[in-house]
């Protein structure tokens, strides 16, 4: 099983950062929360900090975790561990993604999300309903 982390990053308006997978890559044309693989001996938080610097050119503070998602893509299992993150430095740039967008939770359904990200979207929406 491949260990993967992703960041749920919000802006001042409460919108979340979604990243479009580029053409020619696995899951091309689907939206995802940014992140990547955890290297051997690396903590999830360190991996996420590194991946967000590499993918978006930002420094973040890793916050609380959401429920991990175990998913199979083409016979390869992943454990996707999402974390809320706060940007400390920089503005997100699409260094490896085709496009970035800030998406209001009410508009999640307007984007074609990667399958493993969908349980994360549902958890975020559930948490929002509990706060109201």
N, C-alpha and C. Protein backbone atom coordinates (compact mmCIF):
# COMPACT_ATOMS: atom_id res chain seq x y z
N UNK A 1 0.85 -1.18 0.00
CA UNK A 1 0.00 0.00 0.00
C UNK A 1 0.89 1.24 0.00
N UNK A 2 0.54 2.20 -0.84
CA UNK A 2 1.29 3.45 -0.94
C UNK A 2 0.68 4.47 0.03
N UNK A 3 1.53 5.06 0.84
CA UNK A 3 1.09 6.10 1.78
C UNK A 3 1.15 7.46 1.08
N UNK A 4 0.02 8.16 1.06
CA UNK A 4 -0.10 9.45 0.38
C UNK A 4 -0.75 10.44 1.33
N UNK A 5 -0.34 11.70 1.24
CA UNK A 5 -0.93 12.77 2.05
C UNK A 5 -1.47 13.85 1.13
N UNK A 6 -2.46 14.60 1.62
CA UNK A 6 -2.95 15.74 0.87
C UNK A 6 -3.34 16.86 1.83
N UNK A 7 -3.29 18.07 1.30
CA UNK A 7 -3.60 19.25 2.09
C UNK A 7 -4.94 19.86 1.71
N UNK A 8 -5.75 20.14 2.71
CA UNK A 8 -7.01 20.85 2.54
C UNK A 8 -6.72 22.28 2.97
N UNK A 9 -6.55 23.15 1.98
CA UNK A 9 -6.09 24.52 2.20
C UNK A 9 -7.24 25.47 1.91
N UNK A 10 -7.56 26.34 2.87
CA UNK A 10 -8.64 27.30 2.66
C UNK A 10 -8.08 28.71 2.57
N UNK A 11 -8.86 29.57 1.90
CA UNK A 11 -8.49 30.98 1.82
C UNK A 11 -9.38 31.78 2.77
N UNK A 12 -9.23 33.10 2.77
CA UNK A 12 -9.96 33.96 3.69
C UNK A 12 -11.48 33.89 3.48
N UNK A 13 -11.91 33.54 2.28
CA UNK A 13 -13.35 33.44 1.96
C UNK A 13 -13.92 32.06 2.28
N UNK A 14 -13.08 31.16 2.80
CA UNK A 14 -13.56 29.82 3.14
C UNK A 14 -13.59 28.87 1.96
N UNK A 15 -13.00 29.28 0.83
CA UNK A 15 -12.92 28.39 -0.33
C UNK A 15 -11.69 27.50 -0.18
N UNK A 16 -11.77 26.30 -0.78
CA UNK A 16 -10.69 25.32 -0.68
C UNK A 16 -9.95 25.21 -2.00
N UNK A 17 -8.65 24.98 -1.92
CA UNK A 17 -7.81 24.89 -3.10
C UNK A 17 -7.96 23.52 -3.75
N UNK A 18 -8.34 23.52 -5.01
CA UNK A 18 -8.43 22.31 -5.82
C UNK A 18 -7.43 22.41 -6.95
N UNK A 19 -6.80 21.28 -7.29
CA UNK A 19 -5.74 21.25 -8.29
C UNK A 19 -6.12 20.24 -9.38
N UNK A 20 -5.96 20.64 -10.63
CA UNK A 20 -6.31 19.80 -11.78
C UNK A 20 -5.10 18.99 -12.22
N UNK A 21 -5.27 17.66 -12.25
CA UNK A 21 -4.19 16.77 -12.68
C UNK A 21 -3.87 17.03 -14.15
N UNK A 22 -2.59 17.08 -14.50
CA UNK A 22 -2.21 17.42 -15.88
C UNK A 22 -2.39 16.25 -16.86
N UNK A 23 -2.50 16.61 -18.13
CA UNK A 23 -2.58 15.62 -19.20
C UNK A 23 -1.34 14.73 -19.17
N UNK A 24 -1.53 13.46 -19.48
CA UNK A 24 -0.42 12.52 -19.52
C UNK A 24 -0.09 11.88 -18.19
N UNK A 25 -0.70 12.33 -17.12
CA UNK A 25 -0.47 11.77 -15.78
C UNK A 25 -1.66 10.90 -15.38
N UNK A 26 -1.45 10.01 -14.42
CA UNK A 26 -2.53 9.21 -13.86
C UNK A 26 -3.62 10.16 -13.35
N UNK A 27 -4.87 9.86 -13.64
CA UNK A 27 -6.02 10.66 -13.24
C UNK A 27 -6.04 12.05 -13.90
N UNK A 28 -5.46 12.14 -15.09
CA UNK A 28 -5.45 13.41 -15.82
C UNK A 28 -6.87 13.94 -15.98
N UNK A 29 -7.03 15.25 -15.82
CA UNK A 29 -8.32 15.89 -15.99
C UNK A 29 -9.23 15.82 -14.78
N UNK A 30 -8.75 15.24 -13.68
CA UNK A 30 -9.54 15.19 -12.45
C UNK A 30 -8.94 16.15 -11.43
N UNK A 31 -9.80 16.66 -10.58
CA UNK A 31 -9.40 17.59 -9.53
C UNK A 31 -9.03 16.83 -8.27
N UNK A 32 -8.13 17.39 -7.50
CA UNK A 32 -7.67 16.74 -6.26
C UNK A 32 -7.21 17.80 -5.28
N UNK A 33 -7.09 17.35 -4.03
CA UNK A 33 -6.39 18.15 -3.05
C UNK A 33 -4.90 17.89 -3.25
N UNK A 34 -4.05 18.91 -3.17
CA UNK A 34 -2.63 18.73 -3.47
C UNK A 34 -1.90 17.91 -2.41
N UNK A 35 -0.90 17.20 -2.86
CA UNK A 35 -0.09 16.39 -1.95
C UNK A 35 0.69 15.36 -2.72
N UNK A 36 1.08 14.29 -2.05
CA UNK A 36 1.85 13.25 -2.73
C UNK A 36 2.29 12.16 -1.78
N UNK A 37 3.23 11.35 -2.26
CA UNK A 37 3.69 10.17 -1.54
C UNK A 37 4.56 10.54 -0.34
N UNK A 38 4.43 9.70 0.68
CA UNK A 38 5.28 9.80 1.87
C UNK A 38 6.51 8.94 1.62
N UNK A 39 7.69 9.54 1.72
CA UNK A 39 8.94 8.80 1.52
C UNK A 39 9.23 7.93 2.75
N UNK A 40 9.97 6.83 2.56
CA UNK A 40 10.34 5.97 3.70
C UNK A 40 11.03 6.78 4.79
N UNK A 41 10.59 6.60 6.03
CA UNK A 41 11.18 7.28 7.17
C UNK A 41 10.70 8.72 7.37
N UNK A 42 9.82 9.18 6.51
CA UNK A 42 9.32 10.56 6.57
C UNK A 42 7.98 10.57 7.29
N UNK A 43 7.75 11.57 8.13
CA UNK A 43 6.44 11.69 8.77
C UNK A 43 5.43 12.21 7.75
N UNK A 44 4.17 11.99 8.03
CA UNK A 44 3.13 12.49 7.13
C UNK A 44 3.18 14.02 7.03
N UNK A 45 3.38 14.68 8.16
CA UNK A 45 3.43 16.14 8.18
C UNK A 45 4.63 16.66 7.37
N UNK A 46 5.78 16.02 7.52
CA UNK A 46 6.97 16.43 6.76
C UNK A 46 6.75 16.20 5.26
N UNK A 47 6.14 15.08 4.92
CA UNK A 47 5.87 14.78 3.51
C UNK A 47 4.93 15.83 2.91
N UNK A 48 3.90 16.18 3.66
CA UNK A 48 2.93 17.15 3.15
C UNK A 48 3.58 18.53 2.98
N UNK A 49 4.37 18.93 3.95
CA UNK A 49 5.08 20.21 3.85
C UNK A 49 5.97 20.22 2.61
N UNK A 50 6.72 19.14 2.39
CA UNK A 50 7.61 19.03 1.23
C UNK A 50 6.82 19.04 -0.07
N UNK A 51 5.77 18.24 -0.14
CA UNK A 51 4.98 18.13 -1.37
C UNK A 51 4.32 19.46 -1.75
N UNK A 52 3.79 20.19 -0.77
CA UNK A 52 3.13 21.45 -1.08
C UNK A 52 4.14 22.51 -1.51
N UNK A 53 5.36 22.43 -0.99
CA UNK A 53 6.42 23.33 -1.47
C UNK A 53 6.77 23.00 -2.91
N UNK A 54 6.92 21.70 -3.21
CA UNK A 54 7.28 21.27 -4.57
C UNK A 54 6.17 21.54 -5.58
N UNK A 55 4.93 21.26 -5.20
CA UNK A 55 3.81 21.35 -6.15
C UNK A 55 3.25 22.76 -6.30
N UNK A 56 3.28 23.54 -5.22
CA UNK A 56 2.60 24.83 -5.23
C UNK A 56 3.50 26.01 -4.90
N UNK A 57 4.72 25.74 -4.42
CA UNK A 57 5.63 26.81 -4.06
C UNK A 57 5.22 27.55 -2.80
N UNK A 58 4.56 26.86 -1.86
CA UNK A 58 4.10 27.49 -0.63
C UNK A 58 4.66 26.78 0.59
N UNK A 59 4.76 27.52 1.68
CA UNK A 59 5.09 26.96 2.99
C UNK A 59 3.79 26.91 3.79
N UNK A 60 3.57 25.80 4.48
CA UNK A 60 2.32 25.63 5.22
C UNK A 60 2.57 25.19 6.65
N UNK A 61 1.55 25.43 7.46
CA UNK A 61 1.47 24.83 8.78
C UNK A 61 0.45 23.72 8.67
N UNK A 62 0.86 22.50 8.99
CA UNK A 62 -0.04 21.35 8.92
C UNK A 62 -0.86 21.30 10.20
N UNK A 63 -2.17 21.23 10.03
CA UNK A 63 -3.08 21.22 11.17
C UNK A 63 -3.69 19.86 11.42
N UNK A 64 -4.95 19.86 11.80
CA UNK A 64 -5.62 18.63 12.19
C UNK A 64 -5.87 17.71 11.00
N UNK A 65 -5.93 16.43 11.32
CA UNK A 65 -6.13 15.39 10.30
C UNK A 65 -7.62 15.12 10.11
N UNK A 66 -7.95 14.72 8.91
CA UNK A 66 -9.27 14.18 8.61
C UNK A 66 -9.11 12.66 8.53
N UNK A 67 -10.21 11.94 8.32
CA UNK A 67 -10.13 10.48 8.25
C UNK A 67 -9.35 10.04 7.01
N UNK A 68 -8.41 9.10 7.18
CA UNK A 68 -7.71 8.56 6.02
C UNK A 68 -8.67 7.80 5.10
N UNK A 69 -8.34 7.79 3.83
CA UNK A 69 -9.13 7.09 2.82
C UNK A 69 -8.27 6.00 2.22
N UNK A 70 -8.75 4.77 2.25
CA UNK A 70 -8.06 3.66 1.59
C UNK A 70 -8.78 3.42 0.28
N UNK A 71 -8.00 3.43 -0.82
CA UNK A 71 -8.61 3.36 -2.16
C UNK A 71 -7.72 2.54 -3.08
N UNK A 72 -8.35 1.88 -4.04
CA UNK A 72 -7.61 1.12 -5.04
C UNK A 72 -7.74 1.80 -6.40
N UNK A 73 -6.61 2.16 -6.98
CA UNK A 73 -6.55 2.69 -8.34
C UNK A 73 -5.82 1.67 -9.20
N UNK A 74 -6.52 1.09 -10.15
CA UNK A 74 -5.89 0.17 -11.10
C UNK A 74 -4.99 -0.85 -10.40
N UNK A 75 -5.53 -1.55 -9.43
CA UNK A 75 -4.84 -2.61 -8.68
C UNK A 75 -3.73 -2.11 -7.76
N UNK A 76 -3.63 -0.80 -7.57
CA UNK A 76 -2.66 -0.23 -6.63
C UNK A 76 -3.42 0.44 -5.49
N UNK A 77 -3.21 -0.05 -4.28
CA UNK A 77 -3.90 0.50 -3.12
C UNK A 77 -3.13 1.69 -2.56
N UNK A 78 -3.86 2.71 -2.17
CA UNK A 78 -3.27 3.86 -1.49
C UNK A 78 -4.01 4.10 -0.17
N UNK A 79 -3.30 4.69 0.78
CA UNK A 79 -3.93 5.24 1.97
C UNK A 79 -3.68 6.74 1.89
N UNK A 80 -4.75 7.49 1.67
CA UNK A 80 -4.68 8.93 1.51
C UNK A 80 -5.04 9.59 2.83
N UNK A 81 -4.06 10.26 3.44
CA UNK A 81 -4.26 10.91 4.73
C UNK A 81 -4.35 12.42 4.53
N UNK A 82 -5.55 13.00 4.68
CA UNK A 82 -5.73 14.44 4.49
C UNK A 82 -5.53 15.22 5.79
N UNK A 83 -5.01 16.44 5.62
CA UNK A 83 -4.80 17.35 6.75
C UNK A 83 -5.23 18.74 6.34
N UNK A 84 -5.85 19.44 7.28
CA UNK A 84 -6.07 20.86 7.07
C UNK A 84 -4.72 21.56 7.13
N UNK A 85 -4.52 22.55 6.27
CA UNK A 85 -3.26 23.29 6.24
C UNK A 85 -3.55 24.78 6.13
N UNK A 86 -2.62 25.56 6.68
CA UNK A 86 -2.69 27.01 6.59
C UNK A 86 -1.43 27.50 5.90
N UNK A 87 -1.61 28.37 4.91
CA UNK A 87 -0.46 28.91 4.19
C UNK A 87 0.28 29.90 5.08
N UNK A 88 1.58 29.69 5.23
CA UNK A 88 2.43 30.60 6.00
C UNK A 88 3.16 31.57 5.09
N UNK A 89 3.51 31.10 3.88
CA UNK A 89 4.29 31.93 2.98
C UNK A 89 4.03 31.51 1.53
N UNK A 90 3.82 32.52 0.67
CA UNK A 90 3.68 32.27 -0.75
C UNK A 90 2.23 32.24 -1.21
N UNK A 91 2.06 32.32 -2.51
CA UNK A 91 0.77 32.18 -3.15
C UNK A 91 0.82 30.92 -4.00
N UNK A 92 -0.17 30.05 -3.90
CA UNK A 92 -0.12 28.80 -4.66
C UNK A 92 0.03 29.03 -6.17
N UNK A 93 0.98 28.30 -6.75
CA UNK A 93 1.24 28.35 -8.18
C UNK A 93 1.10 26.93 -8.75
N UNK A 94 0.59 26.79 -9.96
CA UNK A 94 0.43 25.45 -10.56
C UNK A 94 1.76 24.93 -11.13
N UNK A 95 2.68 24.55 -10.25
CA UNK A 95 4.01 24.10 -10.70
C UNK A 95 3.97 22.71 -11.33
N UNK A 96 3.05 21.86 -10.91
CA UNK A 96 2.93 20.52 -11.50
C UNK A 96 1.51 20.22 -11.96
N UNK A 97 0.57 21.07 -11.61
CA UNK A 97 -0.83 20.88 -12.00
C UNK A 97 -1.16 21.73 -13.22
N UNK A 98 -2.20 21.32 -13.93
CA UNK A 98 -2.63 22.07 -15.10
C UNK A 98 -3.28 23.39 -14.71
N UNK A 99 -3.99 23.36 -13.58
CA UNK A 99 -4.75 24.54 -13.16
C UNK A 99 -5.04 24.44 -11.67
N UNK A 100 -5.23 25.59 -11.03
CA UNK A 100 -5.66 25.67 -9.64
C UNK A 100 -6.94 26.48 -9.59
N UNK A 101 -7.81 26.16 -8.63
CA UNK A 101 -9.00 26.97 -8.42
C UNK A 101 -9.36 26.93 -6.95
N UNK A 102 -9.96 28.03 -6.49
CA UNK A 102 -10.51 28.09 -5.14
C UNK A 102 -11.99 27.75 -5.27
N UNK A 103 -12.42 26.73 -4.56
CA UNK A 103 -13.78 26.19 -4.72
C UNK A 103 -14.54 26.27 -3.40
N UNK A 104 -15.71 26.89 -3.43
CA UNK A 104 -16.57 26.91 -2.25
C UNK A 104 -17.10 25.49 -2.03
N UNK A 105 -17.19 25.05 -0.78
CA UNK A 105 -17.71 23.71 -0.53
C UNK A 105 -19.06 23.45 -1.20
N UNK A 106 -19.90 24.45 -1.30
CA UNK A 106 -21.20 24.27 -1.96
C UNK A 106 -21.05 23.96 -3.44
N UNK A 107 -19.88 24.26 -4.00
CA UNK A 107 -19.63 24.04 -5.43
C UNK A 107 -18.77 22.81 -5.72
N UNK A 108 -18.51 21.98 -4.71
CA UNK A 108 -17.68 20.78 -4.93
C UNK A 108 -18.20 19.96 -6.11
N UNK A 109 -19.51 19.85 -6.24
CA UNK A 109 -20.11 19.02 -7.27
C UNK A 109 -19.88 19.52 -8.68
N UNK A 110 -19.41 20.75 -8.85
CA UNK A 110 -19.19 21.29 -10.19
C UNK A 110 -17.86 20.83 -10.79
N UNK A 111 -17.00 20.20 -9.98
CA UNK A 111 -15.71 19.72 -10.45
C UNK A 111 -15.71 18.19 -10.49
N UNK A 112 -14.96 17.63 -11.44
CA UNK A 112 -14.79 16.18 -11.53
C UNK A 112 -13.59 15.80 -10.67
N UNK A 113 -13.88 15.30 -9.46
CA UNK A 113 -12.85 14.99 -8.48
C UNK A 113 -12.32 13.58 -8.65
N UNK A 114 -11.07 13.37 -8.27
CA UNK A 114 -10.51 12.02 -8.19
C UNK A 114 -11.32 11.22 -7.17
N UNK A 115 -11.49 9.94 -7.45
CA UNK A 115 -12.34 9.10 -6.60
C UNK A 115 -11.92 9.11 -5.13
N UNK A 116 -10.63 9.03 -4.85
CA UNK A 116 -10.16 8.95 -3.46
C UNK A 116 -10.40 10.25 -2.70
N UNK A 117 -10.57 11.36 -3.40
CA UNK A 117 -10.82 12.64 -2.75
C UNK A 117 -12.28 12.82 -2.35
N UNK A 118 -13.17 12.06 -2.95
CA UNK A 118 -14.60 12.25 -2.69
C UNK A 118 -15.01 11.98 -1.25
N UNK A 119 -14.49 10.95 -0.57
CA UNK A 119 -14.83 10.81 0.86
C UNK A 119 -14.35 11.99 1.70
N UNK A 120 -13.25 12.62 1.30
CA UNK A 120 -12.74 13.79 2.01
C UNK A 120 -13.73 14.95 1.83
N UNK A 121 -14.21 15.12 0.62
CA UNK A 121 -15.21 16.17 0.35
C UNK A 121 -16.44 15.98 1.22
N UNK A 122 -16.90 14.73 1.32
CA UNK A 122 -18.10 14.45 2.14
C UNK A 122 -17.83 14.75 3.62
N UNK A 123 -16.63 14.41 4.10
CA UNK A 123 -16.31 14.68 5.50
C UNK A 123 -16.27 16.18 5.77
N UNK A 124 -15.70 16.95 4.84
CA UNK A 124 -15.65 18.41 5.00
C UNK A 124 -17.07 18.97 5.06
N UNK A 125 -17.93 18.52 4.16
CA UNK A 125 -19.32 19.00 4.15
C UNK A 125 -20.03 18.60 5.44
N UNK A 126 -19.80 17.39 5.92
CA UNK A 126 -20.41 16.96 7.19
C UNK A 126 -19.94 17.84 8.34
N UNK A 127 -18.65 18.15 8.39
CA UNK A 127 -18.12 19.01 9.46
C UNK A 127 -18.74 20.40 9.39
N UNK A 128 -18.96 20.91 8.19
CA UNK A 128 -19.56 22.23 8.03
C UNK A 128 -21.00 22.25 8.54
N UNK A 129 -21.74 21.17 8.26
CA UNK A 129 -23.12 21.09 8.73
C UNK A 129 -23.19 21.07 10.26
N UNK A 130 -22.21 20.42 10.89
CA UNK A 130 -22.20 20.36 12.34
C UNK A 130 -21.91 21.72 12.98
N UNK A 131 -21.17 22.58 12.28
CA UNK A 131 -20.82 23.90 12.81
C UNK A 131 -21.95 24.90 12.69
N UNK A 132 -22.92 24.64 11.83
CA UNK A 132 -24.00 25.59 11.61
C UNK A 132 -25.00 25.56 12.74
